[in-house]
Amino acid sequence: MPVTTRAASTEKRRRKILEAALHCFLERGFTAATAEEIRERSGASIGSIYHHFGGKEGLAGALHVEGLRDYQAGFLHELRRHRGARSGVEAVVRYHLRWVHEHADWARFLFHLREAEAVQAVMPELRELNRRFAAEVTAWIRPHMRAGVITPLPADVVGAVWIGPAQQFARQWLAGHATTALPKATRVLAAAAWRSLRADTRT
């Protein structure tokens, strides 16, 4: 089997195991889910599961890394498409809620099923992902702050103002508690993010 074909097959098998683990963790909870249930759902062998992930903690850690990496990659791709401050600010709010809608199970895992042991094991990788993500977001937004278009704020405050309200709505939507339709909420929250960040309230 050619190297590229073998690598693709390995990645496909790995992905099936991750997806099976995701569903088992969401349905049964991390503690109650077993490697045998994941094996049955994925069609993989126990040996393959332990080879790729080393057990349930490794699976949970890999799910966290993969979900965060996918979210951040899409966020940055969307941000790079926009040179204007307003279009960029509003676009990534729309992206955030679209990602949650399209990856609802992964979002539920990231929001609610972060096992301390699993996250601790992948913390160096998470820190590096977050460092690179923050650096690129900062590089995009800083010129707009210097130009007086976006209010100069600390990075943690910018994130809370920009994505925080959309994140709160996403949690309600995932839990089935939201009463506002997602498209309408997206429009409102994108516009609200821009009003909160713009430096000149007259524009």
N, C-alpha and C. Protein backbone atom coordinates (compact mmCIF):
# COMPACT_ATOMS: atom_id res chain seq x y z
N MET A 1 0.85 -1.20 0.00
CA MET A 1 0.00 0.00 0.00
C MET A 1 0.88 1.25 0.00
N PRO A 2 0.67 2.19 -0.94
CA PRO A 2 1.48 3.42 -0.97
C PRO A 2 1.40 4.17 0.33
N VAL A 3 2.46 4.94 0.62
CA VAL A 3 2.53 5.66 1.90
C VAL A 3 1.36 6.61 2.05
N THR A 4 1.01 7.35 0.99
CA THR A 4 -0.08 8.33 1.09
C THR A 4 -1.41 7.63 1.34
N THR A 5 -1.63 6.49 0.70
CA THR A 5 -2.87 5.74 0.91
C THR A 5 -2.93 5.19 2.33
N ARG A 6 -1.79 4.69 2.82
CA ARG A 6 -1.74 4.16 4.18
C ARG A 6 -2.01 5.26 5.20
N ALA A 7 -1.42 6.43 4.97
CA ALA A 7 -1.63 7.55 5.89
C ALA A 7 -3.08 7.99 5.90
N ALA A 8 -3.71 8.02 4.71
CA ALA A 8 -5.11 8.41 4.63
C ALA A 8 -5.99 7.39 5.35
N SER A 9 -5.67 6.12 5.19
CA SER A 9 -6.43 5.07 5.86
C SER A 9 -6.28 5.17 7.38
N THR A 10 -5.08 5.44 7.84
CA THR A 10 -4.83 5.60 9.27
C THR A 10 -5.60 6.79 9.83
N GLU A 11 -5.59 7.90 9.10
CA GLU A 11 -6.30 9.09 9.55
C GLU A 11 -7.80 8.86 9.56
N LYS A 12 -8.31 8.14 8.57
CA LYS A 12 -9.75 7.83 8.54
C LYS A 12 -10.13 6.97 9.74
N ARG A 13 -9.30 5.98 10.06
CA ARG A 13 -9.57 5.12 11.21
C ARG A 13 -9.52 5.93 12.50
N ARG A 14 -8.54 6.79 12.59
CA ARG A 14 -8.39 7.64 13.78
C ARG A 14 -9.61 8.54 13.95
N ARG A 15 -10.07 9.09 12.83
CA ARG A 15 -11.23 9.99 12.89
C ARG A 15 -12.49 9.24 13.32
N LYS A 16 -12.66 8.01 12.83
CA LYS A 16 -13.82 7.23 13.22
C LYS A 16 -13.81 6.93 14.72
N ILE A 17 -12.64 6.67 15.26
CA ILE A 17 -12.52 6.42 16.70
C ILE A 17 -12.88 7.68 17.47
N LEU A 18 -12.39 8.83 17.02
CA LEU A 18 -12.70 10.09 17.70
C LEU A 18 -14.20 10.38 17.66
N GLU A 19 -14.81 10.19 16.51
CA GLU A 19 -16.25 10.46 16.40
C GLU A 19 -17.06 9.51 17.28
N ALA A 20 -16.64 8.24 17.34
CA ALA A 20 -17.31 7.29 18.21
C ALA A 20 -17.17 7.69 19.67
N ALA A 21 -15.97 8.10 20.05
CA ALA A 21 -15.73 8.53 21.44
C ALA A 21 -16.56 9.76 21.76
N LEU A 22 -16.64 10.69 20.84
CA LEU A 22 -17.42 11.90 21.05
C LEU A 22 -18.88 11.55 21.36
N HIS A 23 -19.47 10.67 20.56
CA HIS A 23 -20.86 10.31 20.77
C HIS A 23 -21.04 9.53 22.08
N CYS A 24 -20.11 8.65 22.39
CA CYS A 24 -20.21 7.89 23.64
C CYS A 24 -20.08 8.81 24.85
N PHE A 25 -19.15 9.74 24.80
CA PHE A 25 -18.98 10.66 25.93
C PHE A 25 -20.22 11.53 26.13
N LEU A 26 -20.81 11.98 25.02
CA LEU A 26 -21.99 12.84 25.13
C LEU A 26 -23.21 12.05 25.62
N GLU A 27 -23.35 10.81 25.16
CA GLU A 27 -24.50 10.01 25.53
C GLU A 27 -24.39 9.44 26.94
N ARG A 28 -23.19 9.01 27.31
CA ARG A 28 -23.03 8.28 28.57
C ARG A 28 -22.28 9.07 29.63
N GLY A 29 -21.60 10.14 29.23
CA GLY A 29 -20.72 10.84 30.14
C GLY A 29 -19.33 10.23 30.09
N PHE A 30 -18.33 11.01 30.37
CA PHE A 30 -16.95 10.53 30.26
C PHE A 30 -16.69 9.35 31.18
N THR A 31 -17.15 9.44 32.41
CA THR A 31 -16.86 8.40 33.40
C THR A 31 -17.54 7.09 33.04
N ALA A 32 -18.80 7.15 32.60
CA ALA A 32 -19.55 5.93 32.33
C ALA A 32 -19.18 5.28 31.00
N ALA A 33 -18.75 6.05 30.03
CA ALA A 33 -18.39 5.49 28.72
C ALA A 33 -17.20 4.56 28.86
N THR A 34 -17.21 3.48 28.10
CA THR A 34 -16.13 2.50 28.18
C THR A 34 -15.41 2.38 26.84
N ALA A 35 -14.18 1.90 26.91
CA ALA A 35 -13.41 1.68 25.69
C ALA A 35 -14.10 0.65 24.80
N GLU A 36 -14.77 -0.34 25.41
CA GLU A 36 -15.46 -1.36 24.63
C GLU A 36 -16.61 -0.76 23.83
N GLU A 37 -17.35 0.18 24.43
CA GLU A 37 -18.43 0.85 23.71
C GLU A 37 -17.88 1.66 22.54
N ILE A 38 -16.76 2.31 22.78
CA ILE A 38 -16.13 3.09 21.71
C ILE A 38 -15.65 2.16 20.60
N ARG A 39 -15.10 1.01 20.98
CA ARG A 39 -14.65 0.03 20.00
C ARG A 39 -15.82 -0.45 19.14
N GLU A 40 -16.94 -0.78 19.79
CA GLU A 40 -18.10 -1.27 19.05
C GLU A 40 -18.63 -0.20 18.08
N ARG A 41 -18.67 1.02 18.54
CA ARG A 41 -19.23 2.08 17.72
C ARG A 41 -18.32 2.45 16.55
N SER A 42 -17.02 2.38 16.77
CA SER A 42 -16.06 2.79 15.74
C SER A 42 -15.70 1.66 14.79
N GLY A 43 -15.88 0.42 15.25
CA GLY A 43 -15.47 -0.72 14.45
C GLY A 43 -13.97 -0.99 14.53
N ALA A 44 -13.27 -0.24 15.36
CA ALA A 44 -11.83 -0.42 15.52
C ALA A 44 -11.55 -1.46 16.61
N SER A 45 -10.34 -1.92 16.66
CA SER A 45 -9.94 -2.85 17.71
C SER A 45 -9.52 -2.07 18.95
N ILE A 46 -9.57 -2.73 20.10
CA ILE A 46 -9.09 -2.10 21.33
C ILE A 46 -7.63 -1.72 21.17
N GLY A 47 -6.87 -2.60 20.50
CA GLY A 47 -5.45 -2.31 20.28
C GLY A 47 -5.24 -1.04 19.49
N SER A 48 -6.09 -0.82 18.46
CA SER A 48 -5.98 0.38 17.64
C SER A 48 -6.30 1.63 18.45
N ILE A 49 -7.33 1.53 19.30
CA ILE A 49 -7.71 2.66 20.14
C ILE A 49 -6.57 3.05 21.06
N TYR A 50 -5.96 2.05 21.70
CA TYR A 50 -4.88 2.36 22.63
C TYR A 50 -3.61 2.77 21.89
N HIS A 51 -3.43 2.25 20.69
CA HIS A 51 -2.26 2.65 19.90
C HIS A 51 -2.33 4.13 19.54
N HIS A 52 -3.51 4.58 19.12
CA HIS A 52 -3.66 5.97 18.68
C HIS A 52 -3.81 6.94 19.85
N PHE A 53 -4.48 6.51 20.92
CA PHE A 53 -4.87 7.47 21.96
C PHE A 53 -4.49 7.08 23.39
N GLY A 54 -4.16 5.84 23.63
CA GLY A 54 -3.73 5.44 24.96
C GLY A 54 -4.83 5.35 25.99
N GLY A 55 -6.09 5.31 25.58
CA GLY A 55 -7.19 5.18 26.54
C GLY A 55 -8.16 6.33 26.48
N LYS A 56 -9.12 6.31 27.42
CA LYS A 56 -10.19 7.32 27.41
C LYS A 56 -9.66 8.73 27.61
N GLU A 57 -8.71 8.91 28.52
CA GLU A 57 -8.18 10.26 28.77
C GLU A 57 -7.51 10.80 27.51
N GLY A 58 -6.79 9.94 26.81
CA GLY A 58 -6.15 10.37 25.58
C GLY A 58 -7.16 10.73 24.51
N LEU A 59 -8.26 9.99 24.45
CA LEU A 59 -9.32 10.30 23.51
C LEU A 59 -9.96 11.65 23.82
N ALA A 60 -10.26 11.87 25.09
CA ALA A 60 -10.87 13.14 25.49
C ALA A 60 -9.94 14.31 25.20
N GLY A 61 -8.66 14.12 25.47
CA GLY A 61 -7.69 15.17 25.19
C GLY A 61 -7.59 15.45 23.70
N ALA A 62 -7.56 14.38 22.89
CA ALA A 62 -7.48 14.55 21.44
C ALA A 62 -8.73 15.24 20.90
N LEU A 63 -9.89 14.90 21.45
CA LEU A 63 -11.13 15.57 21.03
C LEU A 63 -11.06 17.06 21.31
N HIS A 64 -10.54 17.40 22.47
CA HIS A 64 -10.45 18.82 22.82
C HIS A 64 -9.51 19.55 21.86
N VAL A 65 -8.36 18.95 21.59
CA VAL A 65 -7.38 19.58 20.69
C VAL A 65 -7.95 19.71 19.28
N GLU A 66 -8.54 18.63 18.77
CA GLU A 66 -9.06 18.63 17.39
C GLU A 66 -10.20 19.63 17.24
N GLY A 67 -11.10 19.65 18.23
CA GLY A 67 -12.21 20.59 18.15
C GLY A 67 -11.74 22.03 18.18
N LEU A 68 -10.81 22.33 19.09
CA LEU A 68 -10.29 23.69 19.20
C LEU A 68 -9.52 24.08 17.96
N ARG A 69 -8.71 23.16 17.43
CA ARG A 69 -7.93 23.46 16.22
C ARG A 69 -8.85 23.76 15.04
N ASP A 70 -9.89 22.96 14.87
CA ASP A 70 -10.83 23.17 13.77
C ASP A 70 -11.53 24.52 13.92
N TYR A 71 -12.00 24.82 15.13
CA TYR A 71 -12.68 26.09 15.36
C TYR A 71 -11.75 27.27 15.07
N GLN A 72 -10.54 27.22 15.60
CA GLN A 72 -9.62 28.34 15.43
C GLN A 72 -9.20 28.52 13.98
N ALA A 73 -8.99 27.42 13.28
CA ALA A 73 -8.60 27.52 11.87
C ALA A 73 -9.69 28.21 11.06
N GLY A 74 -10.94 27.85 11.31
CA GLY A 74 -12.04 28.49 10.60
C GLY A 74 -12.20 29.95 10.97
N PHE A 75 -12.03 30.25 12.24
CA PHE A 75 -12.12 31.63 12.73
C PHE A 75 -11.07 32.50 12.02
N LEU A 76 -9.83 32.03 11.98
CA LEU A 76 -8.76 32.82 11.37
C LEU A 76 -8.95 32.93 9.86
N HIS A 77 -9.42 31.86 9.23
CA HIS A 77 -9.68 31.91 7.79
C HIS A 77 -10.73 32.99 7.49
N GLU A 78 -11.76 33.04 8.31
CA GLU A 78 -12.80 34.05 8.12
C GLU A 78 -12.24 35.45 8.36
N LEU A 79 -11.45 35.61 9.42
CA LEU A 79 -10.91 36.91 9.76
C LEU A 79 -10.00 37.44 8.65
N ARG A 80 -9.18 36.56 8.06
CA ARG A 80 -8.25 36.98 7.01
C ARG A 80 -8.97 37.50 5.77
N ARG A 81 -10.22 37.10 5.58
CA ARG A 81 -10.97 37.52 4.41
C ARG A 81 -11.44 38.97 4.49
N HIS A 82 -11.30 39.58 5.67
CA HIS A 82 -11.87 40.92 5.88
C HIS A 82 -10.79 41.92 6.28
N ARG A 83 -10.68 42.97 5.51
CA ARG A 83 -9.75 44.05 5.85
C ARG A 83 -10.43 45.11 6.69
N GLY A 84 -11.71 45.30 6.48
CA GLY A 84 -12.45 46.30 7.23
C GLY A 84 -12.75 45.84 8.64
N ALA A 85 -12.72 46.78 9.59
CA ALA A 85 -12.94 46.45 10.99
C ALA A 85 -14.35 45.91 11.21
N ARG A 86 -15.33 46.62 10.72
CA ARG A 86 -16.71 46.20 10.97
C ARG A 86 -17.02 44.85 10.33
N SER A 87 -16.61 44.69 9.07
CA SER A 87 -16.92 43.43 8.39
C SER A 87 -16.25 42.26 9.08
N GLY A 88 -15.01 42.45 9.58
CA GLY A 88 -14.31 41.38 10.27
C GLY A 88 -14.93 41.04 11.61
N VAL A 89 -15.26 42.06 12.38
CA VAL A 89 -15.87 41.85 13.69
C VAL A 89 -17.18 41.09 13.55
N GLU A 90 -18.03 41.53 12.63
CA GLU A 90 -19.33 40.89 12.47
C GLU A 90 -19.19 39.50 11.86
N ALA A 91 -18.24 39.33 10.95
CA ALA A 91 -18.09 38.04 10.27
C ALA A 91 -17.71 36.93 11.24
N VAL A 92 -16.84 37.20 12.18
CA VAL A 92 -16.42 36.11 13.06
C VAL A 92 -17.49 35.78 14.11
N VAL A 93 -18.35 36.73 14.43
CA VAL A 93 -19.49 36.38 15.29
C VAL A 93 -20.41 35.43 14.54
N ARG A 94 -20.65 35.74 13.27
CA ARG A 94 -21.47 34.84 12.46
C ARG A 94 -20.80 33.48 12.34
N TYR A 95 -19.48 33.49 12.15
CA TYR A 95 -18.74 32.23 12.05
C TYR A 95 -18.87 31.43 13.34
N HIS A 96 -18.72 32.07 14.48
CA HIS A 96 -18.79 31.38 15.76
C HIS A 96 -20.10 30.61 15.90
N LEU A 97 -21.20 31.27 15.62
CA LEU A 97 -22.50 30.63 15.78
C LEU A 97 -22.75 29.60 14.68
N ARG A 98 -22.21 29.84 13.50
CA ARG A 98 -22.34 28.85 12.42
C ARG A 98 -21.56 27.58 12.78
N TRP A 99 -20.35 27.74 13.33
CA TRP A 99 -19.55 26.58 13.72
C TRP A 99 -20.27 25.77 14.79
N VAL A 100 -20.83 26.45 15.78
CA VAL A 100 -21.58 25.75 16.82
C VAL A 100 -22.76 24.98 16.22
N HIS A 101 -23.46 25.61 15.29
CA HIS A 101 -24.60 24.95 14.65
C HIS A 101 -24.17 23.73 13.85
N GLU A 102 -23.07 23.85 13.11
CA GLU A 102 -22.63 22.77 12.23
C GLU A 102 -21.86 21.69 12.97
N HIS A 103 -21.34 22.01 14.14
CA HIS A 103 -20.56 21.05 14.93
C HIS A 103 -21.11 20.99 16.36
N ALA A 104 -22.42 20.83 16.45
CA ALA A 104 -23.08 20.93 17.75
C ALA A 104 -22.53 19.93 18.77
N ASP A 105 -22.28 18.69 18.36
CA ASP A 105 -21.78 17.70 19.31
C ASP A 105 -20.38 18.07 19.80
N TRP A 106 -19.55 18.52 18.87
CA TRP A 106 -18.20 18.92 19.27
C TRP A 106 -18.25 20.13 20.20
N ALA A 107 -19.14 21.06 19.90
CA ALA A 107 -19.29 22.24 20.76
C ALA A 107 -19.77 21.84 22.15
N ARG A 108 -20.71 20.91 22.22
CA ARG A 108 -21.18 20.46 23.54
C ARG A 108 -20.03 19.85 24.33
N PHE A 109 -19.20 19.08 23.66
CA PHE A 109 -18.06 18.47 24.34
C PHE A 109 -17.11 19.55 24.86
N LEU A 110 -16.77 20.50 24.00
CA LEU A 110 -15.83 21.54 24.40
C LEU A 110 -16.38 22.39 25.55
N PHE A 111 -17.67 22.65 25.54
CA PHE A 111 -18.27 23.51 26.55
C PHE A 111 -18.51 22.79 27.87
N HIS A 112 -18.89 21.49 27.80
CA HIS A 112 -19.42 20.84 28.99
C HIS A 112 -18.67 19.61 29.48
N LEU A 113 -17.88 18.96 28.61
CA LEU A 113 -17.29 17.68 29.01
C LEU A 113 -15.77 17.72 29.01
N ARG A 114 -15.21 18.78 29.49
CA ARG A 114 -13.75 18.89 29.55
C ARG A 114 -13.25 18.24 30.84
N GLU A 115 -12.83 17.00 30.75
CA GLU A 115 -12.31 16.31 31.94
C GLU A 115 -10.95 16.89 32.30
N ALA A 116 -10.76 17.17 33.59
CA ALA A 116 -9.55 17.84 34.05
C ALA A 116 -8.29 17.05 33.68
N GLU A 117 -8.34 15.72 33.87
CA GLU A 117 -7.16 14.90 33.59
C GLU A 117 -6.81 14.93 32.11
N ALA A 118 -7.84 14.85 31.26
CA ALA A 118 -7.60 14.84 29.82
C ALA A 118 -7.04 16.17 29.34
N VAL A 119 -7.63 17.26 29.81
CA VAL A 119 -7.17 18.58 29.39
C VAL A 119 -5.76 18.84 29.89
N GLN A 120 -5.47 18.41 31.11
CA GLN A 120 -4.13 18.61 31.66
C GLN A 120 -3.07 17.91 30.81
N ALA A 121 -3.41 16.74 30.30
CA ALA A 121 -2.44 15.96 29.51
C ALA A 121 -2.08 16.65 28.20
N VAL A 122 -3.01 17.42 27.65
CA VAL A 122 -2.75 18.09 26.36
C VAL A 122 -2.54 19.59 26.54
N MET A 123 -2.34 20.03 27.76
CA MET A 123 -2.21 21.46 28.02
C MET A 123 -1.11 22.14 27.22
N PRO A 124 0.07 21.54 27.07
CA PRO A 124 1.10 22.21 26.25
C PRO A 124 0.63 22.47 24.83
N GLU A 125 -0.06 21.49 24.24
CA GLU A 125 -0.56 21.68 22.87
C GLU A 125 -1.66 22.73 22.83
N LEU A 126 -2.53 22.74 23.82
CA LEU A 126 -3.59 23.75 23.87
C LEU A 126 -3.00 25.15 24.03
N ARG A 127 -2.01 25.27 24.88
CA ARG A 127 -1.37 26.58 25.08
C ARG A 127 -0.77 27.09 23.79
N GLU A 128 -0.11 26.20 23.03
CA GLU A 128 0.51 26.62 21.78
C GLU A 128 -0.54 27.01 20.75
N LEU A 129 -1.63 26.24 20.67
CA LEU A 129 -2.72 26.61 19.77
C LEU A 129 -3.28 27.98 20.12
N ASN A 130 -3.52 28.20 21.41
CA ASN A 130 -4.09 29.47 21.85
C ASN A 130 -3.12 30.63 21.66
N ARG A 131 -1.83 30.36 21.83
CA ARG A 131 -0.82 31.42 21.64
C ARG A 131 -0.81 31.88 20.19
N ARG A 132 -0.79 30.93 19.27
CA ARG A 132 -0.76 31.29 17.84
C ARG A 132 -2.06 31.97 17.42
N PHE A 133 -3.16 31.46 17.94
CA PHE A 133 -4.46 32.05 17.63
C PHE A 133 -4.53 33.49 18.11
N ALA A 134 -4.15 33.71 19.36
CA ALA A 134 -4.21 35.06 19.93
C ALA A 134 -3.29 36.01 19.19
N ALA A 135 -2.11 35.53 18.79
CA ALA A 135 -1.16 36.39 18.08
C ALA A 135 -1.74 36.86 16.75
N GLU A 136 -2.41 35.96 16.03
CA GLU A 136 -2.95 36.36 14.73
C GLU A 136 -4.15 37.28 14.88
N VAL A 137 -5.00 36.99 15.87
CA VAL A 137 -6.14 37.88 16.10
C VAL A 137 -5.65 39.27 16.49
N THR A 138 -4.64 39.32 17.36
CA THR A 138 -4.08 40.60 17.79
C THR A 138 -3.48 41.36 16.60
N ALA A 139 -2.77 40.63 15.73
CA ALA A 139 -2.16 41.27 14.56
C ALA A 139 -3.23 41.86 13.64
N TRP A 140 -4.41 41.25 13.60
CA TRP A 140 -5.50 41.78 12.76
C TRP A 140 -6.14 43.00 13.40
N ILE A 141 -6.39 42.93 14.70
CA ILE A 141 -7.19 43.98 15.34
C ILE A 141 -6.37 45.21 15.75
N ARG A 142 -5.09 45.02 16.01
CA ARG A 142 -4.28 46.13 16.51
C ARG A 142 -4.23 47.33 15.56
N PRO A 143 -4.03 47.12 14.24
CA PRO A 143 -4.03 48.29 13.35
C PRO A 143 -5.34 49.07 13.40
N HIS A 144 -6.46 48.38 13.60
CA HIS A 144 -7.75 49.07 13.69
C HIS A 144 -7.84 49.87 14.99
N MET A 145 -7.21 49.39 16.04
CA MET A 145 -7.15 50.15 17.29
C MET A 145 -6.28 51.39 17.12
N ARG A 146 -5.13 51.20 16.48
CA ARG A 146 -4.21 52.33 16.28
C ARG A 146 -4.84 53.39 15.39
N ALA A 147 -5.67 52.96 14.45
CA ALA A 147 -6.33 53.90 13.54
C ALA A 147 -7.53 54.59 14.18
N GLY A 148 -7.87 54.19 15.41
CA GLY A 148 -8.99 54.81 16.09
C GLY A 148 -10.35 54.31 15.66
N VAL A 149 -10.37 53.13 15.02
CA VAL A 149 -11.63 52.57 14.54
C VAL A 149 -12.24 51.64 15.61
N ILE A 150 -11.38 50.89 16.26
CA ILE A 150 -11.80 49.99 17.35
C ILE A 150 -11.21 50.51 18.65
N THR A 151 -12.00 50.48 19.71
CA THR A 151 -11.55 50.97 21.01
C THR A 151 -10.37 50.15 21.51
N PRO A 152 -9.26 50.79 21.91
CA PRO A 152 -8.13 50.04 22.45
C PRO A 152 -8.52 49.38 23.78
N LEU A 153 -8.43 48.06 23.82
CA LEU A 153 -8.80 47.30 25.01
C LEU A 153 -7.80 46.16 25.19
N PRO A 154 -7.63 45.68 26.43
CA PRO A 154 -6.79 44.50 26.63
C PRO A 154 -7.36 43.30 25.88
N ALA A 155 -6.48 42.38 25.51
CA ALA A 155 -6.90 41.24 24.68
C ALA A 155 -8.01 40.42 25.32
N ASP A 156 -7.92 40.21 26.64
CA ASP A 156 -8.95 39.39 27.28
C ASP A 156 -10.31 40.09 27.28
N VAL A 157 -10.29 41.41 27.40
CA VAL A 157 -11.53 42.17 27.37
C VAL A 157 -12.11 42.18 25.96
N VAL A 158 -11.23 42.33 24.96
CA VAL A 158 -11.70 42.29 23.57
C VAL A 158 -12.43 40.98 23.29
N GLY A 159 -11.84 39.87 23.70
CA GLY A 159 -12.47 38.57 23.47
C GLY A 159 -13.82 38.45 24.14
N ALA A 160 -13.90 38.95 25.37
CA ALA A 160 -15.16 38.86 26.12
C ALA A 160 -16.25 39.71 25.47
N VAL A 161 -15.88 40.90 25.00
CA VAL A 161 -16.85 41.80 24.37
C VAL A 161 -17.25 41.28 22.99
N TRP A 162 -16.27 40.78 22.26
CA TRP A 162 -16.47 40.38 20.87
C TRP A 162 -17.27 39.08 20.76
N ILE A 163 -16.83 38.05 21.46
CA ILE A 163 -17.42 36.72 21.30
C ILE A 163 -18.25 36.29 22.51
N GLY A 164 -18.03 36.94 23.66
CA GLY A 164 -18.71 36.51 24.88
C GLY A 164 -20.22 36.40 24.77
N PRO A 165 -20.92 37.42 24.29
CA PRO A 165 -22.38 37.31 24.17
C PRO A 165 -22.82 36.19 23.23
N ALA A 166 -22.13 36.03 22.11
CA ALA A 166 -22.46 34.94 21.18
C ALA A 166 -22.20 33.58 21.83
N GLN A 167 -21.15 33.50 22.62
CA GLN A 167 -20.85 32.26 23.32
C GLN A 167 -21.95 31.92 24.32
N GLN A 168 -22.43 32.92 25.03
CA GLN A 168 -23.50 32.70 26.00
C GLN A 168 -24.77 32.22 25.30
N PHE A 169 -25.08 32.86 24.16
CA PHE A 169 -26.26 32.41 23.42
C PHE A 169 -26.06 31.00 22.90
N ALA A 170 -24.85 30.68 22.44
CA ALA A 170 -24.57 29.34 21.92
C ALA A 170 -24.80 28.28 23.00
N ARG A 171 -24.40 28.57 24.21
CA ARG A 171 -24.63 27.62 25.31
C ARG A 171 -26.12 27.39 25.53
N GLN A 172 -26.89 28.45 25.50
CA GLN A 172 -28.34 28.31 25.66
C GLN A 172 -28.94 27.52 24.50
N TRP A 173 -28.48 27.80 23.28
CA TRP A 173 -29.00 27.11 22.11
C TRP A 173 -28.67 25.62 22.17
N LEU A 174 -27.44 25.28 22.55
CA LEU A 174 -27.04 23.88 22.64
C LEU A 174 -27.84 23.13 23.70
N ALA A 175 -28.19 23.84 24.76
CA ALA A 175 -28.96 23.21 25.84
C ALA A 175 -30.45 23.15 25.54
N GLY A 176 -30.86 23.75 24.40
CA GLY A 176 -32.26 23.75 24.04
C GLY A 176 -33.09 24.79 24.77
N HIS A 177 -32.41 25.79 25.34
CA HIS A 177 -33.11 26.81 26.13
C HIS A 177 -33.32 28.12 25.37
N ALA A 178 -32.75 28.25 24.19
CA ALA A 178 -32.89 29.49 23.43
C ALA A 178 -34.27 29.55 22.80
N THR A 179 -34.89 30.72 22.87
CA THR A 179 -36.20 30.91 22.26
C THR A 179 -36.13 31.72 20.96
N THR A 180 -35.01 32.39 20.74
CA THR A 180 -34.81 33.17 19.52
C THR A 180 -34.19 32.28 18.45
N ALA A 181 -34.68 32.38 17.24
CA ALA A 181 -34.13 31.58 16.14
C ALA A 181 -32.67 31.97 15.91
N LEU A 182 -31.85 30.98 15.56
CA LEU A 182 -30.42 31.21 15.42
C LEU A 182 -30.08 32.30 14.38
N PRO A 183 -30.72 32.34 13.21
CA PRO A 183 -30.39 33.39 12.24
C PRO A 183 -30.64 34.80 12.80
N LYS A 184 -31.75 34.98 13.49
CA LYS A 184 -32.06 36.29 14.06
C LYS A 184 -31.05 36.64 15.16
N ALA A 185 -30.76 35.69 16.03
CA ALA A 185 -29.79 35.94 17.10
C ALA A 185 -28.43 36.28 16.51
N THR A 186 -28.05 35.61 15.44
CA THR A 186 -26.76 35.87 14.80
C THR A 186 -26.68 37.31 14.31
N ARG A 187 -27.74 37.78 13.65
CA ARG A 187 -27.74 39.17 13.16
C ARG A 187 -27.63 40.15 14.32
N VAL A 188 -28.40 39.92 15.36
CA VAL A 188 -28.40 40.83 16.51
C VAL A 188 -27.04 40.84 17.20
N LEU A 189 -26.47 39.68 17.41
CA LEU A 189 -25.21 39.57 18.15
C LEU A 189 -24.03 40.10 17.34
N ALA A 190 -24.04 39.90 16.02
CA ALA A 190 -22.97 40.45 15.18
C ALA A 190 -22.99 41.97 15.22
N ALA A 191 -24.18 42.55 15.10
CA ALA A 191 -24.30 44.01 15.15
C ALA A 191 -23.93 44.54 16.53
N ALA A 192 -24.32 43.82 17.58
CA ALA A 192 -24.01 44.26 18.94
C ALA A 192 -22.51 44.22 19.21
N ALA A 193 -21.82 43.22 18.67
CA ALA A 193 -20.37 43.13 18.85
C ALA A 193 -19.69 44.35 18.23
N TRP A 194 -20.13 44.76 17.05
CA TRP A 194 -19.54 45.93 16.41
C TRP A 194 -19.83 47.19 17.21
N ARG A 195 -21.06 47.36 17.67
CA ARG A 195 -21.39 48.56 18.48
C ARG A 195 -20.55 48.61 19.74
N SER A 196 -20.22 47.45 20.30
CA SER A 196 -19.47 47.43 21.56
C SER A 196 -17.98 47.70 21.35
N LEU A 197 -17.46 47.38 20.18
CA LEU A 197 -16.03 47.51 19.95
C LEU A 197 -15.63 48.78 19.21
N ARG A 198 -16.51 49.35 18.43
CA ARG A 198 -16.13 50.49 17.62
C ARG A 198 -15.79 51.68 18.50
N ALA A 199 -14.81 52.45 18.04
CA ALA A 199 -14.34 53.59 18.83
C ALA A 199 -15.23 54.81 18.68
N ASP A 200 -15.77 55.01 17.49
CA ASP A 200 -16.59 56.18 17.23
C ASP A 200 -18.05 55.74 17.13
N THR A 201 -18.85 56.02 18.13
CA THR A 201 -20.23 55.56 18.16
C THR A 201 -21.10 56.27 17.12
N ARG A 202 -20.57 57.27 16.45
CA ARG A 202 -21.36 57.97 15.44
C ARG A 202 -21.34 57.28 14.10
N THR A 203 -20.42 56.27 13.91
CA THR A 203 -20.29 55.62 12.60
C THR A 203 -21.12 54.36 12.55
